[in-house]
């Protein structure tokens, strides 16, 4: 589980990211990010019904994404809000593959 200060929850923050943020995409994962002017980076994870219909699988994907970000938290730049979006195809990936996708996307966005 991510520490509370690293979680993104408020509707206004999501709106700011969608309005002013930059986007990066991979085959099964994408992200949007925006500066937050804080000393920490905050993260959110979105897994829609289009990715997988069953709630327990959506939650499983979210947990795996959170763990992948938590493993890289010390390497990630501070002062950013980041929203990860799962895409169809991520549901069949295992934890190691999801971690690799997250790391690759973070490097492409120059966060690591």
N, C-alpha and C. Protein backbone atom coordinates (compact mmCIF):
# COMPACT_ATOMS: atom_id res chain seq x y z
N UNK A 1 0.84 -1.18 0.00
CA UNK A 1 0.00 0.00 0.00
C UNK A 1 0.89 1.24 0.00
N UNK A 2 0.51 2.21 -0.80
CA UNK A 2 1.25 3.47 -0.84
C UNK A 2 0.99 4.28 0.42
N UNK A 3 1.99 5.02 0.91
CA UNK A 3 1.75 5.91 2.04
C UNK A 3 0.68 6.95 1.69
N UNK A 4 -0.01 7.45 2.69
CA UNK A 4 -1.13 8.38 2.48
C UNK A 4 -0.68 9.63 1.73
N UNK A 5 0.51 10.15 2.04
CA UNK A 5 0.95 11.38 1.37
C UNK A 5 1.23 11.16 -0.11
N UNK A 6 1.32 9.90 -0.56
CA UNK A 6 1.57 9.60 -1.96
C UNK A 6 0.32 9.19 -2.72
N UNK A 7 -0.85 9.38 -2.13
CA UNK A 7 -2.10 9.01 -2.79
C UNK A 7 -2.81 10.25 -3.31
N UNK A 8 -3.34 10.14 -4.49
CA UNK A 8 -4.07 11.23 -5.13
C UNK A 8 -5.55 10.90 -5.05
N UNK A 9 -6.35 11.79 -4.42
CA UNK A 9 -7.75 11.45 -4.19
C UNK A 9 -8.75 12.54 -4.59
N UNK A 10 -8.35 13.79 -4.54
CA UNK A 10 -9.32 14.87 -4.71
C UNK A 10 -9.72 15.09 -6.16
N UNK A 11 -10.98 15.38 -6.37
CA UNK A 11 -11.53 15.59 -7.70
C UNK A 11 -10.86 16.77 -8.40
N UNK A 12 -10.55 17.82 -7.67
CA UNK A 12 -9.89 18.99 -8.26
C UNK A 12 -8.52 18.63 -8.81
N UNK A 13 -7.80 17.77 -8.10
CA UNK A 13 -6.47 17.36 -8.56
C UNK A 13 -6.58 16.56 -9.86
N UNK A 14 -7.56 15.67 -9.94
CA UNK A 14 -7.76 14.90 -11.16
C UNK A 14 -8.11 15.83 -12.32
N UNK A 15 -8.97 16.80 -12.07
CA UNK A 15 -9.35 17.75 -13.12
C UNK A 15 -8.17 18.54 -13.63
N UNK A 16 -7.29 18.96 -12.72
CA UNK A 16 -6.09 19.71 -13.10
C UNK A 16 -5.17 18.85 -13.97
N UNK A 17 -5.02 17.58 -13.61
CA UNK A 17 -4.16 16.68 -14.38
C UNK A 17 -4.71 16.48 -15.79
N UNK A 18 -6.03 16.29 -15.91
CA UNK A 18 -6.62 16.08 -17.22
C UNK A 18 -6.57 17.35 -18.07
N UNK A 19 -6.65 18.50 -17.42
CA UNK A 19 -6.67 19.76 -18.15
C UNK A 19 -5.27 20.20 -18.58
N UNK A 20 -4.30 20.11 -17.67
CA UNK A 20 -2.97 20.67 -17.93
C UNK A 20 -1.87 19.62 -18.03
N UNK A 21 -2.18 18.37 -17.81
CA UNK A 21 -1.14 17.35 -17.74
C UNK A 21 -0.65 16.86 -19.09
N UNK A 22 0.52 16.22 -19.07
CA UNK A 22 1.09 15.58 -20.25
C UNK A 22 0.78 14.09 -20.19
N UNK A 23 0.67 13.46 -21.34
CA UNK A 23 0.35 12.04 -21.39
C UNK A 23 1.44 11.21 -22.04
N UNK A 24 1.56 9.97 -21.59
CA UNK A 24 2.49 9.00 -22.15
C UNK A 24 1.76 7.67 -22.24
N UNK A 25 2.03 6.92 -23.31
CA UNK A 25 1.31 5.66 -23.53
C UNK A 25 2.25 4.52 -23.83
N UNK A 26 1.79 3.33 -23.45
CA UNK A 26 2.45 2.08 -23.78
C UNK A 26 1.35 1.15 -24.29
N UNK A 27 1.69 -0.08 -24.62
CA UNK A 27 0.68 -0.99 -25.16
C UNK A 27 -0.48 -1.22 -24.20
N UNK A 28 -0.17 -1.50 -22.95
CA UNK A 28 -1.23 -1.88 -22.01
C UNK A 28 -1.35 -0.93 -20.82
N UNK A 29 -0.65 0.20 -20.90
CA UNK A 29 -0.66 1.13 -19.77
C UNK A 29 -0.41 2.54 -20.30
N UNK A 30 -1.05 3.53 -19.69
CA UNK A 30 -0.77 4.92 -20.04
C UNK A 30 -0.78 5.74 -18.75
N UNK A 31 -0.24 6.94 -18.82
CA UNK A 31 -0.25 7.81 -17.65
C UNK A 31 -0.38 9.25 -18.08
N UNK A 32 -0.87 10.06 -17.15
CA UNK A 32 -0.91 11.52 -17.31
C UNK A 32 -0.27 12.09 -16.07
N UNK A 33 0.48 13.17 -16.22
CA UNK A 33 1.14 13.77 -15.08
C UNK A 33 1.09 15.28 -15.16
N UNK A 34 1.15 15.89 -13.99
CA UNK A 34 1.18 17.35 -13.88
C UNK A 34 1.92 17.72 -12.60
N UNK A 35 2.52 18.89 -12.59
CA UNK A 35 3.23 19.35 -11.39
C UNK A 35 2.23 19.65 -10.28
N UNK A 36 2.66 19.43 -9.02
CA UNK A 36 1.75 19.69 -7.91
C UNK A 36 2.30 20.68 -6.89
N UNK A 37 3.53 21.14 -7.04
CA UNK A 37 4.15 22.11 -6.14
C UNK A 37 4.20 21.62 -4.69
N UNK A 38 4.33 20.32 -4.49
CA UNK A 38 4.47 19.73 -3.17
C UNK A 38 5.83 19.05 -3.09
N UNK A 39 6.19 18.61 -1.90
CA UNK A 39 7.48 17.95 -1.70
C UNK A 39 7.41 16.46 -2.02
N UNK A 40 6.23 15.95 -2.36
CA UNK A 40 6.07 14.52 -2.66
C UNK A 40 5.32 14.37 -3.99
N UNK A 41 5.47 13.20 -4.58
CA UNK A 41 4.68 12.86 -5.76
C UNK A 41 3.48 12.03 -5.32
N UNK A 42 2.36 12.25 -5.99
CA UNK A 42 1.14 11.52 -5.64
C UNK A 42 0.67 10.72 -6.84
N UNK A 43 0.03 9.58 -6.56
CA UNK A 43 -0.34 8.64 -7.62
C UNK A 43 -1.79 8.19 -7.47
N UNK A 44 -2.41 7.90 -8.62
CA UNK A 44 -3.74 7.30 -8.66
C UNK A 44 -3.74 6.27 -9.77
N UNK A 45 -4.65 5.30 -9.67
CA UNK A 45 -4.70 4.20 -10.62
C UNK A 45 -6.14 3.99 -11.07
N UNK A 46 -6.34 3.98 -12.39
CA UNK A 46 -7.68 3.84 -12.95
C UNK A 46 -7.72 2.57 -13.78
N UNK A 47 -8.66 1.68 -13.43
CA UNK A 47 -8.88 0.45 -14.19
C UNK A 47 -10.37 0.41 -14.49
N UNK A 48 -10.74 0.64 -15.73
CA UNK A 48 -12.16 0.75 -16.08
C UNK A 48 -12.77 -0.59 -16.41
N UNK A 49 -14.07 -0.58 -16.59
CA UNK A 49 -14.79 -1.79 -16.99
C UNK A 49 -14.38 -2.27 -18.37
N UNK A 50 -13.87 -1.37 -19.20
CA UNK A 50 -13.43 -1.77 -20.54
C UNK A 50 -12.20 -2.69 -20.48
N UNK A 51 -11.43 -2.56 -19.42
CA UNK A 51 -10.23 -3.39 -19.27
C UNK A 51 -10.63 -4.79 -18.86
N UNK A 52 -11.43 -4.89 -17.82
CA UNK A 52 -11.91 -6.19 -17.34
C UNK A 52 -13.22 -5.96 -16.60
N UNK A 53 -14.18 -6.82 -16.81
CA UNK A 53 -15.52 -6.63 -16.25
C UNK A 53 -15.61 -6.97 -14.77
N UNK A 54 -14.81 -7.90 -14.29
CA UNK A 54 -14.95 -8.39 -12.92
C UNK A 54 -14.20 -7.49 -11.94
N UNK A 55 -14.90 -7.11 -10.88
CA UNK A 55 -14.35 -6.17 -9.90
C UNK A 55 -13.10 -6.72 -9.22
N UNK A 56 -13.09 -7.99 -8.89
CA UNK A 56 -11.92 -8.52 -8.19
C UNK A 56 -10.67 -8.48 -9.07
N UNK A 57 -10.84 -8.61 -10.38
CA UNK A 57 -9.70 -8.50 -11.28
C UNK A 57 -9.24 -7.05 -11.44
N UNK A 58 -10.19 -6.11 -11.47
CA UNK A 58 -9.81 -4.69 -11.52
C UNK A 58 -9.03 -4.31 -10.27
N UNK A 59 -9.49 -4.78 -9.11
CA UNK A 59 -8.79 -4.49 -7.86
C UNK A 59 -7.41 -5.14 -7.83
N UNK A 60 -7.31 -6.34 -8.38
CA UNK A 60 -6.03 -7.04 -8.43
C UNK A 60 -5.03 -6.25 -9.28
N UNK A 61 -5.49 -5.72 -10.41
CA UNK A 61 -4.62 -4.91 -11.27
C UNK A 61 -4.18 -3.65 -10.53
N UNK A 62 -5.10 -2.99 -9.83
CA UNK A 62 -4.76 -1.79 -9.06
C UNK A 62 -3.70 -2.11 -8.00
N UNK A 63 -3.87 -3.22 -7.30
CA UNK A 63 -2.88 -3.61 -6.28
C UNK A 63 -1.51 -3.83 -6.90
N UNK A 64 -1.47 -4.49 -8.03
CA UNK A 64 -0.19 -4.75 -8.70
C UNK A 64 0.46 -3.45 -9.17
N UNK A 65 -0.34 -2.52 -9.69
CA UNK A 65 0.19 -1.22 -10.11
C UNK A 65 0.73 -0.45 -8.91
N UNK A 66 -0.01 -0.46 -7.81
CA UNK A 66 0.45 0.23 -6.59
C UNK A 66 1.78 -0.33 -6.11
N UNK A 67 1.90 -1.66 -6.10
CA UNK A 67 3.14 -2.28 -5.65
C UNK A 67 4.30 -1.94 -6.57
N UNK A 68 4.05 -1.87 -7.87
CA UNK A 68 5.11 -1.52 -8.82
C UNK A 68 5.58 -0.09 -8.58
N UNK A 69 4.65 0.82 -8.31
CA UNK A 69 5.03 2.21 -8.03
C UNK A 69 5.74 2.30 -6.69
N UNK A 70 5.25 1.57 -5.70
CA UNK A 70 5.87 1.59 -4.37
C UNK A 70 7.31 1.10 -4.43
N UNK A 71 7.58 0.10 -5.26
CA UNK A 71 8.94 -0.43 -5.40
C UNK A 71 9.88 0.61 -5.99
N UNK A 72 9.36 1.53 -6.80
CA UNK A 72 10.18 2.55 -7.45
C UNK A 72 10.04 3.93 -6.81
N UNK A 73 9.33 4.03 -5.71
CA UNK A 73 8.99 5.32 -5.11
C UNK A 73 10.22 6.15 -4.76
N UNK A 74 11.27 5.51 -4.27
CA UNK A 74 12.46 6.27 -3.88
C UNK A 74 13.20 6.84 -5.08
N UNK A 75 13.00 6.26 -6.28
CA UNK A 75 13.68 6.72 -7.49
C UNK A 75 12.88 7.77 -8.25
N UNK A 76 11.59 7.90 -7.97
CA UNK A 76 10.71 8.79 -8.73
C UNK A 76 10.89 10.24 -8.28
N UNK A 77 10.93 11.15 -9.25
CA UNK A 77 11.05 12.57 -8.95
C UNK A 77 9.87 13.04 -8.10
N UNK A 78 10.10 14.07 -7.30
CA UNK A 78 9.05 14.60 -6.44
C UNK A 78 8.37 15.79 -7.10
N UNK A 79 7.22 16.19 -6.53
CA UNK A 79 6.51 17.36 -7.02
C UNK A 79 5.60 17.11 -8.20
N UNK A 80 5.14 15.85 -8.38
CA UNK A 80 4.28 15.52 -9.51
C UNK A 80 3.05 14.74 -9.06
N UNK A 81 1.96 14.94 -9.77
CA UNK A 81 0.77 14.11 -9.63
C UNK A 81 0.70 13.23 -10.86
N UNK A 82 0.51 11.92 -10.65
CA UNK A 82 0.53 10.96 -11.75
C UNK A 82 -0.70 10.07 -11.67
N UNK A 83 -1.40 9.91 -12.79
CA UNK A 83 -2.53 8.99 -12.88
C UNK A 83 -2.20 7.93 -13.91
N UNK A 84 -2.24 6.67 -13.47
CA UNK A 84 -2.01 5.53 -14.37
C UNK A 84 -3.35 5.01 -14.85
N UNK A 85 -3.43 4.68 -16.15
CA UNK A 85 -4.64 4.12 -16.74
C UNK A 85 -4.31 2.76 -17.31
N UNK A 86 -5.02 1.74 -16.84
CA UNK A 86 -4.85 0.41 -17.41
C UNK A 86 -5.59 0.36 -18.73
N UNK A 87 -5.05 -0.42 -19.66
CA UNK A 87 -5.68 -0.60 -20.97
C UNK A 87 -5.96 -2.09 -21.16
N UNK A 88 -6.83 -2.41 -22.09
CA UNK A 88 -7.13 -3.82 -22.34
C UNK A 88 -5.84 -4.60 -22.64
N UNK A 89 -5.72 -5.75 -22.04
CA UNK A 89 -4.53 -6.57 -22.19
C UNK A 89 -3.70 -6.64 -20.93
N UNK A 90 -3.87 -5.67 -20.04
CA UNK A 90 -3.10 -5.67 -18.79
C UNK A 90 -3.59 -6.75 -17.84
N UNK A 91 -4.84 -7.15 -17.98
CA UNK A 91 -5.42 -8.14 -17.08
C UNK A 91 -4.74 -9.50 -17.17
N UNK A 92 -4.14 -9.82 -18.30
CA UNK A 92 -3.52 -11.13 -18.47
C UNK A 92 -2.03 -11.11 -18.14
N UNK A 93 -1.50 -9.98 -17.71
CA UNK A 93 -0.08 -9.88 -17.36
C UNK A 93 0.13 -10.24 -15.90
N UNK A 94 1.31 -10.79 -15.60
CA UNK A 94 1.62 -11.12 -14.21
C UNK A 94 2.30 -9.92 -13.54
N UNK A 95 2.60 -10.05 -12.27
CA UNK A 95 3.16 -8.93 -11.49
C UNK A 95 4.48 -8.43 -12.05
N UNK A 96 5.34 -9.35 -12.45
CA UNK A 96 6.64 -8.96 -12.98
C UNK A 96 6.50 -8.15 -14.26
N UNK A 97 5.61 -8.58 -15.15
CA UNK A 97 5.40 -7.85 -16.40
C UNK A 97 4.81 -6.47 -16.15
N UNK A 98 3.87 -6.39 -15.20
CA UNK A 98 3.27 -5.09 -14.86
C UNK A 98 4.33 -4.15 -14.31
N UNK A 99 5.21 -4.67 -13.46
CA UNK A 99 6.29 -3.84 -12.91
C UNK A 99 7.20 -3.34 -14.03
N UNK A 100 7.49 -4.19 -15.00
CA UNK A 100 8.32 -3.77 -16.13
C UNK A 100 7.64 -2.69 -16.96
N UNK A 101 6.32 -2.83 -17.19
CA UNK A 101 5.59 -1.80 -17.94
C UNK A 101 5.60 -0.47 -17.19
N UNK A 102 5.40 -0.52 -15.87
CA UNK A 102 5.40 0.70 -15.07
C UNK A 102 6.76 1.38 -15.13
N UNK A 103 7.83 0.60 -14.95
CA UNK A 103 9.18 1.17 -14.99
C UNK A 103 9.49 1.77 -16.36
N UNK A 104 9.11 1.08 -17.42
CA UNK A 104 9.36 1.58 -18.77
C UNK A 104 8.61 2.89 -19.02
N UNK A 105 7.37 2.95 -18.55
CA UNK A 105 6.57 4.16 -18.75
C UNK A 105 7.12 5.32 -17.91
N UNK A 106 7.56 5.04 -16.68
CA UNK A 106 8.15 6.08 -15.84
C UNK A 106 9.44 6.61 -16.46
N UNK A 107 10.23 5.74 -17.07
CA UNK A 107 11.46 6.19 -17.73
C UNK A 107 11.13 7.04 -18.95
N UNK A 108 10.12 6.63 -19.72
CA UNK A 108 9.73 7.39 -20.90
C UNK A 108 9.23 8.79 -20.51
N UNK A 109 8.55 8.88 -19.36
CA UNK A 109 8.06 10.17 -18.88
C UNK A 109 9.14 10.94 -18.12
N UNK A 110 10.35 10.37 -18.03
CA UNK A 110 11.49 10.98 -17.35
C UNK A 110 11.22 11.24 -15.88
N UNK A 111 10.54 10.31 -15.24
CA UNK A 111 10.28 10.41 -13.81
C UNK A 111 11.32 9.64 -13.00
N UNK A 112 12.04 8.74 -13.64
CA UNK A 112 13.10 7.97 -12.97
C UNK A 112 14.42 8.43 -13.54
